[in-house]
Amino acid sequence: MSSLAQLLKNLGSDPQLAESYQRDPEGTMKTAGLNDEEIQAMLNKDLEKLKELSGLDNLKSNGVIEWHE
């Protein structure tokens, strides 16, 4: 599983990670191992690009990107 996919999944289930992401999104993404393209897609909330980069087809957005099983 890619670092991006893992981060997206963990953001929904790990309150400490979600809090860290809220405080410092870019730092949290770098710590998670995301590359510049993935970070930019997250910052832009580019749902289609995030689906492409993560391989997760179940991404949804209402202003916040979320992964749904």
PDB file of N, CA and C in Angstrom:
ATOM      1  N   MET A   1       0.851  -1.174   0.000  1.00  0.00           N
ATOM      2  CA  MET A   1       0.000   0.000   0.000  1.00  0.00           C
ATOM      3  C   MET A   1       0.899   1.239   0.000  1.00  0.00           C
ATOM      4  N   SER A   2       0.520   2.216  -0.784  1.00  0.00           N
ATOM      5  CA  SER A   2       1.316   3.443  -0.873  1.00  0.00           C
ATOM      6  C   SER A   2       1.228   4.245   0.427  1.00  0.00           C
ATOM      7  N   SER A   3       2.206   5.102   0.627  1.00  0.00           N
ATOM      8  CA  SER A   3       2.197   5.979   1.806  1.00  0.00           C
ATOM      9  C   SER A   3       0.967   6.870   1.810  1.00  0.00           C
ATOM     10  N   LEU A   4       0.558   7.334   0.625  1.00  0.00           N
ATOM     11  CA  LEU A   4      -0.634   8.184   0.526  1.00  0.00           C
ATOM     12  C   LEU A   4      -1.878   7.418   0.938  1.00  0.00           C
ATOM     13  N   ALA A   5      -2.043   6.214   0.421  1.00  0.00           N
ATOM     14  CA  ALA A   5      -3.217   5.410   0.767  1.00  0.00           C
ATOM     15  C   ALA A   5      -3.247   5.129   2.268  1.00  0.00           C
ATOM     16  N   GLN A   6      -2.095   4.794   2.824  1.00  0.00           N
ATOM     17  CA  GLN A   6      -2.031   4.504   4.252  1.00  0.00           C
ATOM     18  C   GLN A   6      -2.387   5.743   5.079  1.00  0.00           C
ATOM     19  N   LEU A   7      -1.871   6.891   4.678  1.00  0.00           N
ATOM     20  CA  LEU A   7      -2.182   8.127   5.400  1.00  0.00           C
ATOM     21  C   LEU A   7      -3.676   8.427   5.332  1.00  0.00           C
ATOM     22  N   LEU A   8      -4.263   8.303   4.158  1.00  0.00           N
ATOM     23  CA  LEU A   8      -5.699   8.579   4.017  1.00  0.00           C
ATOM     24  C   LEU A   8      -6.525   7.662   4.907  1.00  0.00           C
ATOM     25  N   LYS A   9      -6.168   6.402   4.947  1.00  0.00           N
ATOM     26  CA  LYS A   9      -6.895   5.455   5.802  1.00  0.00           C
ATOM     27  C   LYS A   9      -6.693   5.790   7.276  1.00  0.00           C
ATOM     28  N   ASN A  10      -5.461   6.100   7.650  1.00  0.00           N
ATOM     29  CA  ASN A  10      -5.161   6.368   9.060  1.00  0.00           C
ATOM     30  C   ASN A  10      -5.764   7.675   9.560  1.00  0.00           C
ATOM     31  N   LEU A  11      -5.896   8.658   8.696  1.00  0.00           N
ATOM     32  CA  LEU A  11      -6.470   9.937   9.125  1.00  0.00           C
ATOM     33  C   LEU A  11      -7.887   9.770   9.662  1.00  0.00           C
ATOM     34  N   GLY A  12      -8.621   8.819   9.130  1.00  0.00           N
ATOM     35  CA  GLY A  12      -9.992   8.593   9.579  1.00  0.00           C
ATOM     36  C   GLY A  12     -10.108   7.764  10.836  1.00  0.00           C
ATOM     37  N   SER A  13      -9.018   7.100  11.227  1.00  0.00           N
ATOM     38  CA  SER A  13      -9.119   6.195  12.371  1.00  0.00           C
ATOM     39  C   SER A  13      -8.160   6.525  13.517  1.00  0.00           C
ATOM     40  N   ASP A  14      -7.256   7.455  13.304  1.00  0.00           N
ATOM     41  CA  ASP A  14      -6.263   7.788  14.323  1.00  0.00           C
ATOM     42  C   ASP A  14      -6.419   9.254  14.729  1.00  0.00           C
ATOM     43  N   PRO A  15      -7.078   9.506  15.872  1.00  0.00           N
ATOM     44  CA  PRO A  15      -7.335  10.887  16.293  1.00  0.00           C
ATOM     45  C   PRO A  15      -6.054  11.713  16.473  1.00  0.00           C
ATOM     46  N   GLN A  16      -4.983  11.102  16.957  1.00  0.00           N
ATOM     47  CA  GLN A  16      -3.727  11.837  17.145  1.00  0.00           C
ATOM     48  C   GLN A  16      -3.143  12.254  15.800  1.00  0.00           C
ATOM     49  N   LEU A  17      -3.217  11.375  14.816  1.00  0.00           N
ATOM     50  CA  LEU A  17      -2.728  11.701  13.484  1.00  0.00           C
ATOM     51  C   LEU A  17      -3.580  12.806  12.872  1.00  0.00           C
ATOM     52  N   ALA A  18      -4.888  12.712  13.031  1.00  0.00           N
ATOM     53  CA  ALA A  18      -5.785  13.741  12.500  1.00  0.00           C
ATOM     54  C   ALA A  18      -5.495  15.101  13.142  1.00  0.00           C
ATOM     55  N   GLU A  19      -5.215  15.102  14.430  1.00  0.00           N
ATOM     56  CA  GLU A  19      -4.890  16.354  15.123  1.00  0.00           C
ATOM     57  C   GLU A  19      -3.561  16.918  14.616  1.00  0.00           C
ATOM     58  N   SER A  20      -2.594  16.042  14.432  1.00  0.00           N
ATOM     59  CA  SER A  20      -1.301  16.453  13.897  1.00  0.00           C
ATOM     60  C   SER A  20      -1.469  17.043  12.497  1.00  0.00           C
ATOM     61  N   TYR A  21      -2.311  16.405  11.688  1.00  0.00           N
ATOM     62  CA  TYR A  21      -2.566  16.874  10.329  1.00  0.00           C
ATOM     63  C   TYR A  21      -3.234  18.252  10.344  1.00  0.00           C
ATOM     64  N   GLN A  22      -4.142  18.456  11.272  1.00  0.00           N
ATOM     65  CA  GLN A  22      -4.819  19.759  11.373  1.00  0.00           C
ATOM     66  C   GLN A  22      -3.835  20.859  11.758  1.00  0.00           C
ATOM     67  N   ARG A  23      -2.909  20.552  12.667  1.00  0.00           N
ATOM     68  CA  ARG A  23      -1.915  21.529  13.116  1.00  0.00           C
ATOM     69  C   ARG A  23      -0.861  21.814  12.050  1.00  0.00           C
ATOM     70  N   ASP A  24      -0.411  20.762  11.365  1.00  0.00           N
ATOM     71  CA  ASP A  24       0.692  20.897  10.413  1.00  0.00           C
ATOM     72  C   ASP A  24       0.520  19.893   9.277  1.00  0.00           C
ATOM     73  N   PRO A  25      -0.380  20.190   8.340  1.00  0.00           N
ATOM     74  CA  PRO A  25      -0.657  19.228   7.277  1.00  0.00           C
ATOM     75  C   PRO A  25       0.592  18.832   6.486  1.00  0.00           C
ATOM     76  N   GLU A  26       1.361  19.808   6.067  1.00  0.00           N
ATOM     77  CA  GLU A  26       2.518  19.501   5.227  1.00  0.00           C
ATOM     78  C   GLU A  26       3.566  18.694   5.994  1.00  0.00           C
ATOM     79  N   GLY A  27       3.824  19.067   7.223  1.00  0.00           N
ATOM     80  CA  GLY A  27       4.781  18.321   8.043  1.00  0.00           C
ATOM     81  C   GLY A  27       4.327  16.892   8.293  1.00  0.00           C
ATOM     82  N   THR A  28       3.036  16.713   8.545  1.00  0.00           N
ATOM     83  CA  THR A  28       2.485  15.378   8.780  1.00  0.00           C
ATOM     84  C   THR A  28       2.612  14.528   7.525  1.00  0.00           C
ATOM     85  N   MET A  29       2.343  15.126   6.371  1.00  0.00           N
ATOM     86  CA  MET A  29       2.447  14.371   5.116  1.00  0.00           C
ATOM     87  C   MET A  29       3.898  14.001   4.816  1.00  0.00           C
ATOM     88  N   LYS A  30       4.829  14.912   5.081  1.00  0.00           N
ATOM     89  CA  LYS A  30       6.248  14.604   4.861  1.00  0.00           C
ATOM     90  C   LYS A  30       6.702  13.482   5.789  1.00  0.00           C
ATOM     91  N   THR A  31       6.283  13.543   7.040  1.00  0.00           N
ATOM     92  CA  THR A  31       6.626  12.495   7.999  1.00  0.00           C
ATOM     93  C   THR A  31       6.064  11.146   7.553  1.00  0.00           C
ATOM     94  N   ALA A  32       4.890  11.160   6.925  1.00  0.00           N
ATOM     95  CA  ALA A  32       4.254   9.928   6.446  1.00  0.00           C
ATOM     96  C   ALA A  32       4.905   9.400   5.169  1.00  0.00           C
ATOM     97  N   GLY A  33       5.828  10.177   4.595  1.00  0.00           N
ATOM     98  CA  GLY A  33       6.543   9.701   3.414  1.00  0.00           C
ATOM     99  C   GLY A  33       5.940  10.074   2.080  1.00  0.00           C
ATOM    100  N   LEU A  34       5.014  11.044   2.077  1.00  0.00           N
ATOM    101  CA  LEU A  34       4.418  11.460   0.808  1.00  0.00           C
ATOM    102  C   LEU A  34       5.415  12.254  -0.021  1.00  0.00           C
ATOM    103  N   ASN A  35       5.308  12.113  -1.337  1.00  0.00           N
ATOM    104  CA  ASN A  35       6.173  12.886  -2.230  1.00  0.00           C
ATOM    105  C   ASN A  35       5.506  14.223  -2.546  1.00  0.00           C
ATOM    106  N   ASP A  36       6.211  15.080  -3.258  1.00  0.00           N
ATOM    107  CA  ASP A  36       5.708  16.434  -3.530  1.00  0.00           C
ATOM    108  C   ASP A  36       4.387  16.416  -4.296  1.00  0.00           C
ATOM    109  N   GLU A  37       4.246  15.511  -5.254  1.00  0.00           N
ATOM    110  CA  GLU A  37       3.010  15.432  -6.040  1.00  0.00           C
ATOM    111  C   GLU A  37       1.831  15.037  -5.164  1.00  0.00           C
ATOM    112  N   GLU A  38       2.045  14.087  -4.264  1.00  0.00           N
ATOM    113  CA  GLU A  38       0.978  13.653  -3.359  1.00  0.00           C
ATOM    114  C   GLU A  38       0.610  14.765  -2.380  1.00  0.00           C
ATOM    115  N   ILE A  39       1.617  15.448  -1.858  1.00  0.00           N
ATOM    116  CA  ILE A  39       1.366  16.561  -0.937  1.00  0.00           C
ATOM    117  C   ILE A  39       0.553  17.644  -1.633  1.00  0.00           C
ATOM    118  N   GLN A  40       0.927  17.988  -2.844  1.00  0.00           N
ATOM    119  CA  GLN A  40       0.211  19.034  -3.587  1.00  0.00           C
ATOM    120  C   GLN A  40      -1.237  18.631  -3.836  1.00  0.00           C
ATOM    121  N   ALA A  41      -1.456  17.376  -4.193  1.00  0.00           N
ATOM    122  CA  ALA A  41      -2.826  16.886  -4.426  1.00  0.00           C
ATOM    123  C   ALA A  41      -3.649  16.972  -3.142  1.00  0.00           C
ATOM    124  N   MET A  42      -3.038  16.641  -2.010  1.00  0.00           N
ATOM    125  CA  MET A  42      -3.741  16.745  -0.728  1.00  0.00           C
ATOM    126  C   MET A  42      -4.055  18.201  -0.404  1.00  0.00           C
ATOM    127  N   LEU A  43      -3.079  19.070  -0.557  1.00  0.00           N
ATOM    128  CA  LEU A  43      -3.296  20.488  -0.241  1.00  0.00           C
ATOM    129  C   LEU A  43      -4.353  21.113  -1.140  1.00  0.00           C
ATOM    130  N   ASN A  44      -4.405  20.661  -2.395  1.00  0.00           N
ATOM    131  CA  ASN A  44      -5.394  21.171  -3.348  1.00  0.00           C
ATOM    132  C   ASN A  44      -6.741  20.464  -3.234  1.00  0.00           C
ATOM    133  N   LYS A  45      -6.797  19.412  -2.401  1.00  0.00           N
ATOM    134  CA  LYS A  45      -8.006  18.588  -2.259  1.00  0.00           C
ATOM    135  C   LYS A  45      -8.492  18.096  -3.624  1.00  0.00           C
ATOM    136  N   ASP A  46      -7.518  17.658  -4.437  1.00  0.00           N
ATOM    137  CA  ASP A  46      -7.772  17.177  -5.801  1.00  0.00           C
ATOM    138  C   ASP A  46      -8.155  15.699  -5.741  1.00  0.00           C
ATOM    139  N   LEU A  47      -9.453  15.457  -5.619  1.00  0.00           N
ATOM    140  CA  LEU A  47      -9.974  14.113  -5.406  1.00  0.00           C
ATOM    141  C   LEU A  47      -9.555  13.155  -6.514  1.00  0.00           C
ATOM    142  N   GLU A  48      -9.667  13.562  -7.754  1.00  0.00           N
ATOM    143  CA  GLU A  48      -9.328  12.672  -8.867  1.00  0.00           C
ATOM    144  C   GLU A  48      -7.840  12.327  -8.869  1.00  0.00           C
ATOM    145  N   LYS A  49      -6.996  13.293  -8.601  1.00  0.00           N
ATOM    146  CA  LYS A  49      -5.549  13.048  -8.549  1.00  0.00           C
ATOM    147  C   LYS A  49      -5.218  12.139  -7.371  1.00  0.00           C
ATOM    148  N   LEU A  50      -5.885  12.348  -6.231  1.00  0.00           N
ATOM    149  CA  LEU A  50      -5.654  11.503  -5.066  1.00  0.00           C
ATOM    150  C   LEU A  50      -6.077  10.066  -5.333  1.00  0.00           C
ATOM    151  N   LYS A  51      -7.175   9.866  -6.026  1.00  0.00           N
ATOM    152  CA  LYS A  51      -7.599   8.515  -6.405  1.00  0.00           C
ATOM    153  C   LYS A  51      -6.537   7.867  -7.278  1.00  0.00           C
ATOM    154  N   GLU A  52      -6.055   8.619  -8.258  1.00  0.00           N
ATOM    155  CA  GLU A  52      -5.032   8.111  -9.174  1.00  0.00           C
ATOM    156  C   GLU A  52      -3.748   7.744  -8.424  1.00  0.00           C
ATOM    157  N   LEU A  53      -3.284   8.628  -7.561  1.00  0.00           N
ATOM    158  CA  LEU A  53      -2.016   8.422  -6.873  1.00  0.00           C
ATOM    159  C   LEU A  53      -2.081   7.350  -5.779  1.00  0.00           C
ATOM    160  N   SER A  54      -3.233   7.233  -5.131  1.00  0.00           N
ATOM    161  CA  SER A  54      -3.356   6.301  -4.007  1.00  0.00           C
ATOM    162  C   SER A  54      -3.850   4.922  -4.424  1.00  0.00           C
ATOM    163  N   GLY A  55      -4.561   4.855  -5.545  1.00  0.00           N
ATOM    164  CA  GLY A  55      -5.179   3.600  -5.941  1.00  0.00           C
ATOM    165  C   GLY A  55      -6.464   3.307  -5.188  1.00  0.00           C
ATOM    166  N   LEU A  56      -6.923   4.275  -4.396  1.00  0.00           N
ATOM    167  CA  LEU A  56      -8.163   4.106  -3.630  1.00  0.00           C
ATOM    168  C   LEU A  56      -9.325   4.691  -4.428  1.00  0.00           C
ATOM    169  N   ASP A  57     -10.257   3.844  -4.799  1.00  0.00           N
ATOM    170  CA  ASP A  57     -11.403   4.316  -5.567  1.00  0.00           C
ATOM    171  C   ASP A  57     -12.529   4.830  -4.690  1.00  0.00           C
ATOM    172  N   ASN A  58     -12.480   4.547  -3.404  1.00  0.00           N
ATOM    173  CA  ASN A  58     -13.572   4.897  -2.489  1.00  0.00           C
ATOM    174  C   ASN A  58     -13.359   6.217  -1.770  1.00  0.00           C
ATOM    175  N   LEU A  59     -12.623   7.124  -2.393  1.00  0.00           N
ATOM    176  CA  LEU A  59     -12.425   8.435  -1.780  1.00  0.00           C
ATOM    177  C   LEU A  59     -13.638   9.307  -2.039  1.00  0.00           C
ATOM    178  N   LYS A  60     -14.017  10.069  -1.038  1.00  0.00           N
ATOM    179  CA  LYS A  60     -15.144  10.998  -1.146  1.00  0.00           C
ATOM    180  C   LYS A  60     -14.703  12.337  -0.587  1.00  0.00           C
ATOM    181  N   SER A  61     -15.388  13.396  -0.985  1.00  0.00           N
ATOM    182  CA  SER A  61     -15.025  14.715  -0.470  1.00  0.00           C
ATOM    183  C   SER A  61     -16.256  15.587  -0.309  1.00  0.00           C
ATOM    184  N   ASN A  62     -16.315  16.264   0.802  1.00  0.00           N
ATOM    185  CA  ASN A  62     -17.271  17.346   1.027  1.00  0.00           C
ATOM    186  C   ASN A  62     -16.464  18.525   1.557  1.00  0.00           C
ATOM    187  N   GLY A  63     -15.299  18.736   0.928  1.00  0.00           N
ATOM    188  CA  GLY A  63     -14.348  19.734   1.383  1.00  0.00           C
ATOM    189  C   GLY A  63     -13.210  19.098   2.156  1.00  0.00           C
ATOM    190  N   VAL A  64     -13.452  17.902   2.680  1.00  0.00           N
ATOM    191  CA  VAL A  64     -12.431  17.115   3.379  1.00  0.00           C
ATOM    192  C   VAL A  64     -12.366  15.779   2.666  1.00  0.00           C
ATOM    193  N   ILE A  65     -11.166  15.345   2.320  1.00  0.00           N
ATOM    194  CA  ILE A  65     -11.006  14.052   1.650  1.00  0.00           C
ATOM    195  C   ILE A  65     -11.138  12.946   2.691  1.00  0.00           C
ATOM    196  N   GLU A  66     -11.991  11.971   2.403  1.00  0.00           N
ATOM    197  CA  GLU A  66     -12.189  10.852   3.303  1.00  0.00           C
ATOM    198  C   GLU A  66     -12.165   9.556   2.506  1.00  0.00           C
ATOM    199  N   TRP A  67     -11.741   8.483   3.152  1.00  0.00           N
ATOM    200  CA  TRP A  67     -11.742   7.172   2.539  1.00  0.00           C
ATOM    201  C   TRP A  67     -12.853   6.370   3.177  1.00  0.00           C
ATOM    202  N   HIS A  68     -13.638   5.679   2.363  1.00  0.00           N
ATOM    203  CA  HIS A  68     -14.755   4.872   2.865  1.00  0.00           C
ATOM    204  C   HIS A  68     -14.589   3.451   2.374  1.00  0.00           C
ATOM    205  N   GLU A  69     -14.733   2.508   3.307  1.00  0.00           N
ATOM    206  CA  GLU A  69     -14.661   1.085   2.916  1.00  0.00           C
ATOM    207  C   GLU A  69     -15.949   0.667   2.280  1.00  0.00           C
TER     208      GLU A  69
END
